[in-house]
Amino acid sequence: AVMQRSASEVMVPTNDDGVGKVRNSKGKYAFFIESTKNEYVNERFPCDTMKVGSDLDSKGYGITTRLGSDLSEAINIIVTNLRES
């Protein structure tokens, strides 16, 4: 109920808007964001945001190449090596 009444104040259309609102809120706004994007934002200038707590869930990612691409085998090898390291 509270979120519905304040939706226009707390909801934002994009991640960039959410991060901007965090930066401009003087500590009065928190934003839920996908963990990879969160890490990306936190490690970039002006380095004024931080992740709070642990990830809420875990998701896998896929890499797309054109069918028959020479990149497919090389990427598979690299991903396998990363998983094993």
PDB file of N, CA and C in Angstrom:
ATOM      1  N   ALA A   1       0.819  -1.190   0.000  1.00  0.00           N
ATOM      2  CA  ALA A   1       0.000   0.000   0.000  1.00  0.00           C
ATOM      3  C   ALA A   1       0.863   1.254   0.000  1.00  0.00           C
ATOM      4  N   VAL A   2       1.907   1.256   0.812  1.00  0.00           N
ATOM      5  CA  VAL A   2       2.781   2.431   0.873  1.00  0.00           C
ATOM      6  C   VAL A   2       3.462   2.648  -0.475  1.00  0.00           C
ATOM      7  N   MET A   3       3.950   1.566  -1.086  1.00  0.00           N
ATOM      8  CA  MET A   3       4.622   1.689  -2.383  1.00  0.00           C
ATOM      9  C   MET A   3       3.666   2.212  -3.448  1.00  0.00           C
ATOM     10  N   GLN A   4       2.421   1.765  -3.428  1.00  0.00           N
ATOM     11  CA  GLN A   4       1.458   2.233  -4.419  1.00  0.00           C
ATOM     12  C   GLN A   4       1.182   3.717  -4.249  1.00  0.00           C
ATOM     13  N   ARG A   5       1.064   4.167  -3.018  1.00  0.00           N
ATOM     14  CA  ARG A   5       0.804   5.594  -2.777  1.00  0.00           C
ATOM     15  C   ARG A   5       1.997   6.451  -3.167  1.00  0.00           C
ATOM     16  N   SER A   6       3.202   5.925  -3.038  1.00  0.00           N
ATOM     17  CA  SER A   6       4.385   6.720  -3.339  1.00  0.00           C
ATOM     18  C   SER A   6       5.078   6.303  -4.620  1.00  0.00           C
ATOM     19  N   ALA A   7       4.410   5.563  -5.485  1.00  0.00           N
ATOM     20  CA  ALA A   7       5.037   5.033  -6.700  1.00  0.00           C
ATOM     21  C   ALA A   7       5.738   6.114  -7.509  1.00  0.00           C
ATOM     22  N   SER A   8       5.125   7.264  -7.662  1.00  0.00           N
ATOM     23  CA  SER A   8       5.736   8.316  -8.476  1.00  0.00           C
ATOM     24  C   SER A   8       7.020   8.849  -7.845  1.00  0.00           C
ATOM     25  N   GLU A   9       7.164   8.703  -6.542  1.00  0.00           N
ATOM     26  CA  GLU A   9       8.371   9.178  -5.862  1.00  0.00           C
ATOM     27  C   GLU A   9       9.477   8.130  -5.818  1.00  0.00           C
ATOM     28  N   VAL A  10       9.121   6.844  -5.823  1.00  0.00           N
ATOM     29  CA  VAL A  10      10.133   5.805  -5.632  1.00  0.00           C
ATOM     30  C   VAL A  10      10.443   4.981  -6.874  1.00  0.00           C
ATOM     31  N   MET A  11       9.512   4.862  -7.795  1.00  0.00           N
ATOM     32  CA  MET A  11       9.732   4.054  -8.990  1.00  0.00           C
ATOM     33  C   MET A  11      10.431   4.885 -10.066  1.00  0.00           C
ATOM     34  N   VAL A  12      11.353   4.258 -10.780  1.00  0.00           N
ATOM     35  CA  VAL A  12      12.075   4.933 -11.858  1.00  0.00           C
ATOM     36  C   VAL A  12      12.022   4.055 -13.110  1.00  0.00           C
ATOM     37  N   PRO A  13      12.079   4.661 -14.295  1.00  0.00           N
ATOM     38  CA  PRO A  13      11.936   3.875 -15.526  1.00  0.00           C
ATOM     39  C   PRO A  13      13.188   3.106 -15.954  1.00  0.00           C
ATOM     40  N   THR A  14      14.376   3.537 -15.517  1.00  0.00           N
ATOM     41  CA  THR A  14      15.606   2.885 -15.974  1.00  0.00           C
ATOM     42  C   THR A  14      16.593   2.716 -14.828  1.00  0.00           C
ATOM     43  N   ASN A  15      17.554   1.827 -15.024  1.00  0.00           N
ATOM     44  CA  ASN A  15      18.628   1.668 -14.044  1.00  0.00           C
ATOM     45  C   ASN A  15      19.400   2.964 -13.858  1.00  0.00           C
ATOM     46  N   ASP A  16      19.690   3.645 -14.960  1.00  0.00           N
ATOM     47  CA  ASP A  16      20.435   4.901 -14.863  1.00  0.00           C
ATOM     48  C   ASP A  16      19.684   5.930 -14.028  1.00  0.00           C
ATOM     49  N   ASP A  17      18.364   5.981 -14.183  1.00  0.00           N
ATOM     50  CA  ASP A  17      17.566   6.897 -13.363  1.00  0.00           C
ATOM     51  C   ASP A  17      17.648   6.505 -11.892  1.00  0.00           C
ATOM     52  N   GLY A  18      17.589   5.207 -11.611  1.00  0.00           N
ATOM     53  CA  GLY A  18      17.678   4.730 -10.232  1.00  0.00           C
ATOM     54  C   GLY A  18      19.014   5.061  -9.601  1.00  0.00           C
ATOM     55  N   VAL A  19      20.094   4.830 -10.338  1.00  0.00           N
ATOM     56  CA  VAL A  19      21.431   5.145  -9.829  1.00  0.00           C
ATOM     57  C   VAL A  19      21.559   6.651  -9.613  1.00  0.00           C
ATOM     58  N   GLY A  20      21.046   7.436 -10.544  1.00  0.00           N
ATOM     59  CA  GLY A  20      21.073   8.891 -10.385  1.00  0.00           C
ATOM     60  C   GLY A  20      20.319   9.340  -9.151  1.00  0.00           C
ATOM     61  N   LYS A  21      19.180   8.714  -8.911  1.00  0.00           N
ATOM     62  CA  LYS A  21      18.384   9.069  -7.733  1.00  0.00           C
ATOM     63  C   LYS A  21      19.128   8.699  -6.450  1.00  0.00           C
ATOM     64  N   VAL A  22      19.804   7.552  -6.449  1.00  0.00           N
ATOM     65  CA  VAL A  22      20.624   7.170  -5.292  1.00  0.00           C
ATOM     66  C   VAL A  22      21.694   8.231  -5.053  1.00  0.00           C
ATOM     67  N   ARG A  23      22.361   8.648  -6.104  1.00  0.00           N
ATOM     68  CA  ARG A  23      23.456   9.616  -5.972  1.00  0.00           C
ATOM     69  C   ARG A  23      22.976  10.980  -5.490  1.00  0.00           C
ATOM     70  N   ASN A  24      21.761  11.342  -5.840  1.00  0.00           N
ATOM     71  CA  ASN A  24      21.258  12.673  -5.491  1.00  0.00           C
ATOM     72  C   ASN A  24      20.392  12.710  -4.241  1.00  0.00           C
ATOM     73  N   SER A  25      20.198  11.571  -3.574  1.00  0.00           N
ATOM     74  CA  SER A  25      19.238  11.504  -2.466  1.00  0.00           C
ATOM     75  C   SER A  25      19.835  11.765  -1.090  1.00  0.00           C
ATOM     76  N   LYS A  26      21.142  11.981  -1.022  1.00  0.00           N
ATOM     77  CA  LYS A  26      21.812  12.208   0.266  1.00  0.00           C
ATOM     78  C   LYS A  26      21.527  11.081   1.252  1.00  0.00           C
ATOM     79  N   GLY A  27      21.565   9.838   0.757  1.00  0.00           N
ATOM     80  CA  GLY A  27      21.385   8.678   1.624  1.00  0.00           C
ATOM     81  C   GLY A  27      19.952   8.328   1.956  1.00  0.00           C
ATOM     82  N   LYS A  28      18.972   8.915   1.281  1.00  0.00           N
ATOM     83  CA  LYS A  28      17.558   8.692   1.595  1.00  0.00           C
ATOM     84  C   LYS A  28      16.841   7.804   0.580  1.00  0.00           C
ATOM     85  N   TYR A  29      17.576   7.186  -0.353  1.00  0.00           N
ATOM     86  CA  TYR A  29      16.946   6.356  -1.387  1.00  0.00           C
ATOM     87  C   TYR A  29      17.839   5.160  -1.673  1.00  0.00           C
ATOM     88  N   ALA A  30      17.239   3.992  -1.755  1.00  0.00           N
ATOM     89  CA  ALA A  30      17.945   2.767  -2.139  1.00  0.00           C
ATOM     90  C   ALA A  30      17.280   2.215  -3.390  1.00  0.00           C
ATOM     91  N   PHE A  31      18.041   1.513  -4.196  1.00  0.00           N
ATOM     92  CA  PHE A  31      17.553   1.049  -5.494  1.00  0.00           C
ATOM     93  C   PHE A  31      17.923  -0.415  -5.696  1.00  0.00           C
ATOM     94  N   PHE A  32      16.942  -1.254  -6.044  1.00  0.00           N
ATOM     95  CA  PHE A  32      17.195  -2.648  -6.398  1.00  0.00           C
ATOM     96  C   PHE A  32      17.668  -2.695  -7.844  1.00  0.00           C
ATOM     97  N   ILE A  33      18.788  -3.363  -8.070  1.00  0.00           N
ATOM     98  CA  ILE A  33      19.376  -3.423  -9.407  1.00  0.00           C
ATOM     99  C   ILE A  33      20.036  -4.792  -9.588  1.00  0.00           C
ATOM    100  N   GLU A  34      20.089  -5.273 -10.800  1.00  0.00           N
ATOM    101  CA  GLU A  34      20.736  -6.547 -11.094  1.00  0.00           C
ATOM    102  C   GLU A  34      22.193  -6.477 -10.640  1.00  0.00           C
ATOM    103  N   SER A  35      22.692  -7.540 -10.034  1.00  0.00           N
ATOM    104  CA  SER A  35      23.992  -7.502  -9.358  1.00  0.00           C
ATOM    105  C   SER A  35      25.160  -7.171 -10.286  1.00  0.00           C
ATOM    106  N   THR A  36      25.144  -7.659 -11.516  1.00  0.00           N
ATOM    107  CA  THR A  36      26.243  -7.359 -12.433  1.00  0.00           C
ATOM    108  C   THR A  36      26.278  -5.877 -12.772  1.00  0.00           C
ATOM    109  N   LYS A  37      25.123  -5.287 -13.013  1.00  0.00           N
ATOM    110  CA  LYS A  37      25.050  -3.841 -13.279  1.00  0.00           C
ATOM    111  C   LYS A  37      25.470  -3.067 -12.037  1.00  0.00           C
ATOM    112  N   ASN A  38      25.071  -3.556 -10.861  1.00  0.00           N
ATOM    113  CA  ASN A  38      25.444  -2.911  -9.608  1.00  0.00           C
ATOM    114  C   ASN A  38      26.967  -2.872  -9.468  1.00  0.00           C
ATOM    115  N   GLU A  39      27.623  -3.992  -9.697  1.00  0.00           N
ATOM    116  CA  GLU A  39      29.084  -4.040  -9.612  1.00  0.00           C
ATOM    117  C   GLU A  39      29.713  -3.093 -10.626  1.00  0.00           C
ATOM    118  N   TYR A  40      29.170  -3.066 -11.828  1.00  0.00           N
ATOM    119  CA  TYR A  40      29.690  -2.183 -12.874  1.00  0.00           C
ATOM    120  C   TYR A  40      29.610  -0.720 -12.434  1.00  0.00           C
ATOM    121  N   VAL A  41      28.449  -0.318 -11.948  1.00  0.00           N
ATOM    122  CA  VAL A  41      28.248   1.072 -11.520  1.00  0.00           C
ATOM    123  C   VAL A  41      29.172   1.410 -10.353  1.00  0.00           C
ATOM    124  N   ASN A  42      29.252   0.505  -9.379  1.00  0.00           N
ATOM    125  CA  ASN A  42      30.042   0.774  -8.179  1.00  0.00           C
ATOM    126  C   ASN A  42      31.528   0.953  -8.465  1.00  0.00           C
ATOM    127  N   GLU A  43      32.015   0.335  -9.525  1.00  0.00           N
ATOM    128  CA  GLU A  43      33.442   0.390  -9.839  1.00  0.00           C
ATOM    129  C   GLU A  43      33.801   1.514 -10.802  1.00  0.00           C
ATOM    130  N   ARG A  44      32.846   2.349 -11.133  1.00  0.00           N
ATOM    131  CA  ARG A  44      33.101   3.442 -12.067  1.00  0.00           C
ATOM    132  C   ARG A  44      33.031   4.789 -11.343  1.00  0.00           C
ATOM    133  N   PHE A  45      33.809   5.742 -11.858  1.00  0.00           N
ATOM    134  CA  PHE A  45      33.783   7.104 -11.324  1.00  0.00           C
ATOM    135  C   PHE A  45      32.353   7.623 -11.344  1.00  0.00           C
ATOM    136  N   PRO A  46      31.899   8.266 -10.318  1.00  0.00           N
ATOM    137  CA  PRO A  46      32.627   8.837  -9.191  1.00  0.00           C
ATOM    138  C   PRO A  46      32.755   7.930  -7.964  1.00  0.00           C
ATOM    139  N   CYS A  47      32.515   6.634  -8.123  1.00  0.00           N
ATOM    140  CA  CYS A  47      32.710   5.664  -7.026  1.00  0.00           C
ATOM    141  C   CYS A  47      31.976   6.092  -5.752  1.00  0.00           C
ATOM    142  N   ASP A  48      30.715   6.464  -5.890  1.00  0.00           N
ATOM    143  CA  ASP A  48      29.947   6.965  -4.747  1.00  0.00           C
ATOM    144  C   ASP A  48      28.726   6.106  -4.426  1.00  0.00           C
ATOM    145  N   THR A  49      28.706   4.868  -4.935  1.00  0.00           N
ATOM    146  CA  THR A  49      27.621   3.940  -4.613  1.00  0.00           C
ATOM    147  C   THR A  49      28.236   2.652  -4.090  1.00  0.00           C
ATOM    148  N   MET A  50      27.415   1.847  -3.417  1.00  0.00           N
ATOM    149  CA  MET A  50      27.906   0.572  -2.906  1.00  0.00           C
ATOM    150  C   MET A  50      26.791  -0.452  -2.867  1.00  0.00           C
ATOM    151  N   LYS A  51      27.176  -1.705  -2.955  1.00  0.00           N
ATOM    152  CA  LYS A  51      26.234  -2.815  -2.831  1.00  0.00           C
ATOM    153  C   LYS A  51      26.026  -3.088  -1.345  1.00  0.00           C
ATOM    154  N   VAL A  52      24.780  -3.291  -0.968  1.00  0.00           N
ATOM    155  CA  VAL A  52      24.454  -3.594   0.423  1.00  0.00           C
ATOM    156  C   VAL A  52      23.971  -5.038   0.492  1.00  0.00           C
ATOM    157  N   GLY A  53      24.566  -5.838   1.345  1.00  0.00           N
ATOM    158  CA  GLY A  53      24.144  -7.222   1.507  1.00  0.00           C
ATOM    159  C   GLY A  53      24.638  -8.113   0.386  1.00  0.00           C
ATOM    160  N   SER A  54      24.103  -9.325   0.354  1.00  0.00           N
ATOM    161  CA  SER A  54      24.505 -10.294  -0.666  1.00  0.00           C
ATOM    162  C   SER A  54      23.468 -10.327  -1.788  1.00  0.00           C
ATOM    163  N   ASP A  55      23.803 -11.020  -2.864  1.00  0.00           N
ATOM    164  CA  ASP A  55      22.878 -11.141  -3.993  1.00  0.00           C
ATOM    165  C   ASP A  55      21.576 -11.789  -3.529  1.00  0.00           C
ATOM    166  N   LEU A  56      20.461 -11.330  -4.070  1.00  0.00           N
ATOM    167  CA  LEU A  56      19.163 -11.895  -3.716  1.00  0.00           C
ATOM    168  C   LEU A  56      18.927 -13.235  -4.399  1.00  0.00           C
ATOM    169  N   ASP A  57      19.519 -13.432  -5.569  1.00  0.00           N
ATOM    170  CA  ASP A  57      19.415 -14.710  -6.264  1.00  0.00           C
ATOM    171  C   ASP A  57      20.602 -14.859  -7.206  1.00  0.00           C
ATOM    172  N   SER A  58      20.644 -15.950  -7.923  1.00  0.00           N
ATOM    173  CA  SER A  58      21.747 -16.213  -8.838  1.00  0.00           C
ATOM    174  C   SER A  58      21.178 -16.544 -10.213  1.00  0.00           C
ATOM    175  N   LYS A  59      21.699 -15.902 -11.226  1.00  0.00           N
ATOM    176  CA  LYS A  59      21.245 -16.131 -12.591  1.00  0.00           C
ATOM    177  C   LYS A  59      22.449 -16.453 -13.469  1.00  0.00           C
ATOM    178  N   GLY A  60      22.224 -17.260 -14.482  1.00  0.00           N
ATOM    179  CA  GLY A  60      23.267 -17.550 -15.448  1.00  0.00           C
ATOM    180  C   GLY A  60      23.167 -16.613 -16.640  1.00  0.00           C
ATOM    181  N   TYR A  61      24.209 -16.546 -17.411  1.00  0.00           N
ATOM    182  CA  TYR A  61      24.236 -15.702 -18.595  1.00  0.00           C
ATOM    183  C   TYR A  61      24.606 -16.541 -19.802  1.00  0.00           C
ATOM    184  N   GLY A  62      24.181 -16.119 -20.944  1.00  0.00           N
ATOM    185  CA  GLY A  62      24.543 -16.781 -22.183  1.00  0.00           C
ATOM    186  C   GLY A  62      25.245 -15.804 -23.100  1.00  0.00           C
ATOM    187  N   ILE A  63      26.026 -16.345 -24.001  1.00  0.00           N
ATOM    188  CA  ILE A  63      26.720 -15.535 -24.995  1.00  0.00           C
ATOM    189  C   ILE A  63      26.225 -15.993 -26.361  1.00  0.00           C
ATOM    190  N   THR A  64      25.804 -15.064 -27.175  1.00  0.00           N
ATOM    191  CA  THR A  64      25.252 -15.394 -28.484  1.00  0.00           C
ATOM    192  C   THR A  64      26.255 -15.067 -29.581  1.00  0.00           C
ATOM    193  N   THR A  65      26.419 -16.009 -30.494  1.00  0.00           N
ATOM    194  CA  THR A  65      27.209 -15.760 -31.700  1.00  0.00           C
ATOM    195  C   THR A  65      26.365 -16.168 -32.900  1.00  0.00           C
ATOM    196  N   ARG A  66      26.788 -15.766 -34.022  1.00  0.00           N
ATOM    197  CA  ARG A  66      26.119 -16.171 -35.255  1.00  0.00           C
ATOM    198  C   ARG A  66      26.343 -17.668 -35.464  1.00  0.00           C
ATOM    199  N   LEU A  67      25.343 -18.368 -35.954  1.00  0.00           N
ATOM    200  CA  LEU A  67      25.439 -19.802 -36.210  1.00  0.00           C
ATOM    201  C   LEU A  67      26.633 -20.086 -37.121  1.00  0.00           C
ATOM    202  N   GLY A  68      27.503 -20.989 -36.692  1.00  0.00           N
ATOM    203  CA  GLY A  68      28.682 -21.338 -37.476  1.00  0.00           C
ATOM    204  C   GLY A  68      29.856 -20.394 -37.307  1.00  0.00           C
ATOM    205  N   SER A  69      29.751 -19.429 -36.392  1.00  0.00           N
ATOM    206  CA  SER A  69      30.814 -18.449 -36.182  1.00  0.00           C
ATOM    207  C   SER A  69      32.077 -19.112 -35.645  1.00  0.00           C
ATOM    208  N   ASP A  70      33.221 -18.621 -36.086  1.00  0.00           N
ATOM    209  CA  ASP A  70      34.503 -19.099 -35.569  1.00  0.00           C
ATOM    210  C   ASP A  70      34.680 -18.751 -34.092  1.00  0.00           C
ATOM    211  N   LEU A  71      33.930 -17.778 -33.618  1.00  0.00           N
ATOM    212  CA  LEU A  71      34.038 -17.372 -32.213  1.00  0.00           C
ATOM    213  C   LEU A  71      33.486 -18.422 -31.256  1.00  0.00           C
ATOM    214  N   SER A  72      32.531 -19.214 -31.698  1.00  0.00           N
ATOM    215  CA  SER A  72      31.837 -20.150 -30.804  1.00  0.00           C
ATOM    216  C   SER A  72      32.788 -21.077 -30.065  1.00  0.00           C
ATOM    217  N   GLU A  73      33.681 -21.733 -30.784  1.00  0.00           N
ATOM    218  CA  GLU A  73      34.595 -22.676 -30.138  1.00  0.00           C
ATOM    219  C   GLU A  73      35.541 -21.956 -29.186  1.00  0.00           C
ATOM    220  N   ALA A  74      36.079 -20.823 -29.608  1.00  0.00           N
ATOM    221  CA  ALA A  74      37.001 -20.071 -28.754  1.00  0.00           C
ATOM    222  C   ALA A  74      36.310 -19.613 -27.470  1.00  0.00           C
ATOM    223  N   ILE A  75      35.084 -19.126 -27.587  1.00  0.00           N
ATOM    224  CA  ILE A  75      34.339 -18.680 -26.403  1.00  0.00           C
ATOM    225  C   ILE A  75      34.039 -19.859 -25.493  1.00  0.00           C
ATOM    226  N   ASN A  76      33.647 -20.993 -26.049  1.00  0.00           N
ATOM    227  CA  ASN A  76      33.394 -22.180 -25.232  1.00  0.00           C
ATOM    228  C   ASN A  76      34.631 -22.580 -24.433  1.00  0.00           C
ATOM    229  N   ILE A  77      35.790 -22.541 -25.053  1.00  0.00           N
ATOM    230  CA  ILE A  77      37.034 -22.893 -24.361  1.00  0.00           C
ATOM    231  C   ILE A  77      37.319 -21.902 -23.240  1.00  0.00           C
ATOM    232  N   ILE A  78      37.170 -20.625 -23.524  1.00  0.00           N
ATOM    233  CA  ILE A  78      37.427 -19.594 -22.513  1.00  0.00           C
ATOM    234  C   ILE A  78      36.474 -19.734 -21.336  1.00  0.00           C
ATOM    235  N   VAL A  79      35.189 -19.912 -21.609  1.00  0.00           N
ATOM    236  CA  VAL A  79      34.198 -20.053 -20.533  1.00  0.00           C
ATOM    237  C   VAL A  79      34.494 -21.298 -19.701  1.00  0.00           C
ATOM    238  N   THR A  80      34.842 -22.391 -20.352  1.00  0.00           N
ATOM    239  CA  THR A  80      35.191 -23.616 -19.622  1.00  0.00           C
ATOM    240  C   THR A  80      36.398 -23.377 -18.722  1.00  0.00           C
ATOM    241  N   ASN A  81      37.414 -22.702 -19.240  1.00  0.00           N
ATOM    242  CA  ASN A  81      38.596 -22.394 -18.428  1.00  0.00           C
ATOM    243  C   ASN A  81      38.254 -21.500 -17.246  1.00  0.00           C
ATOM    244  N   LEU A  82      37.383 -20.526 -17.457  1.00  0.00           N
ATOM    245  CA  LEU A  82      36.979 -19.640 -16.362  1.00  0.00           C
ATOM    246  C   LEU A  82      36.233 -20.409 -15.281  1.00  0.00           C
ATOM    247  N   ARG A  83      35.354 -21.315 -15.680  1.00  0.00           N
ATOM    248  CA  ARG A  83      34.606 -22.110 -14.707  1.00  0.00           C
ATOM    249  C   ARG A  83      35.527 -22.986 -13.880  1.00  0.00           C
ATOM    250  N   GLU A  84      36.573 -23.505 -14.504  1.00  0.00           N
ATOM    251  CA  GLU A  84      37.477 -24.430 -13.830  1.00  0.00           C
ATOM    252  C   GLU A  84      38.528 -23.723 -12.987  1.00  0.00           C
ATOM    253  N   SER A  85      38.687 -22.428 -13.157  1.00  0.00           N
ATOM    254  CA  SER A  85      39.726 -21.712 -12.399  1.00  0.00           C
ATOM    255  C   SER A  85      39.201 -21.148 -11.098  1.00  0.00           C
TER     256      SER A  85
END
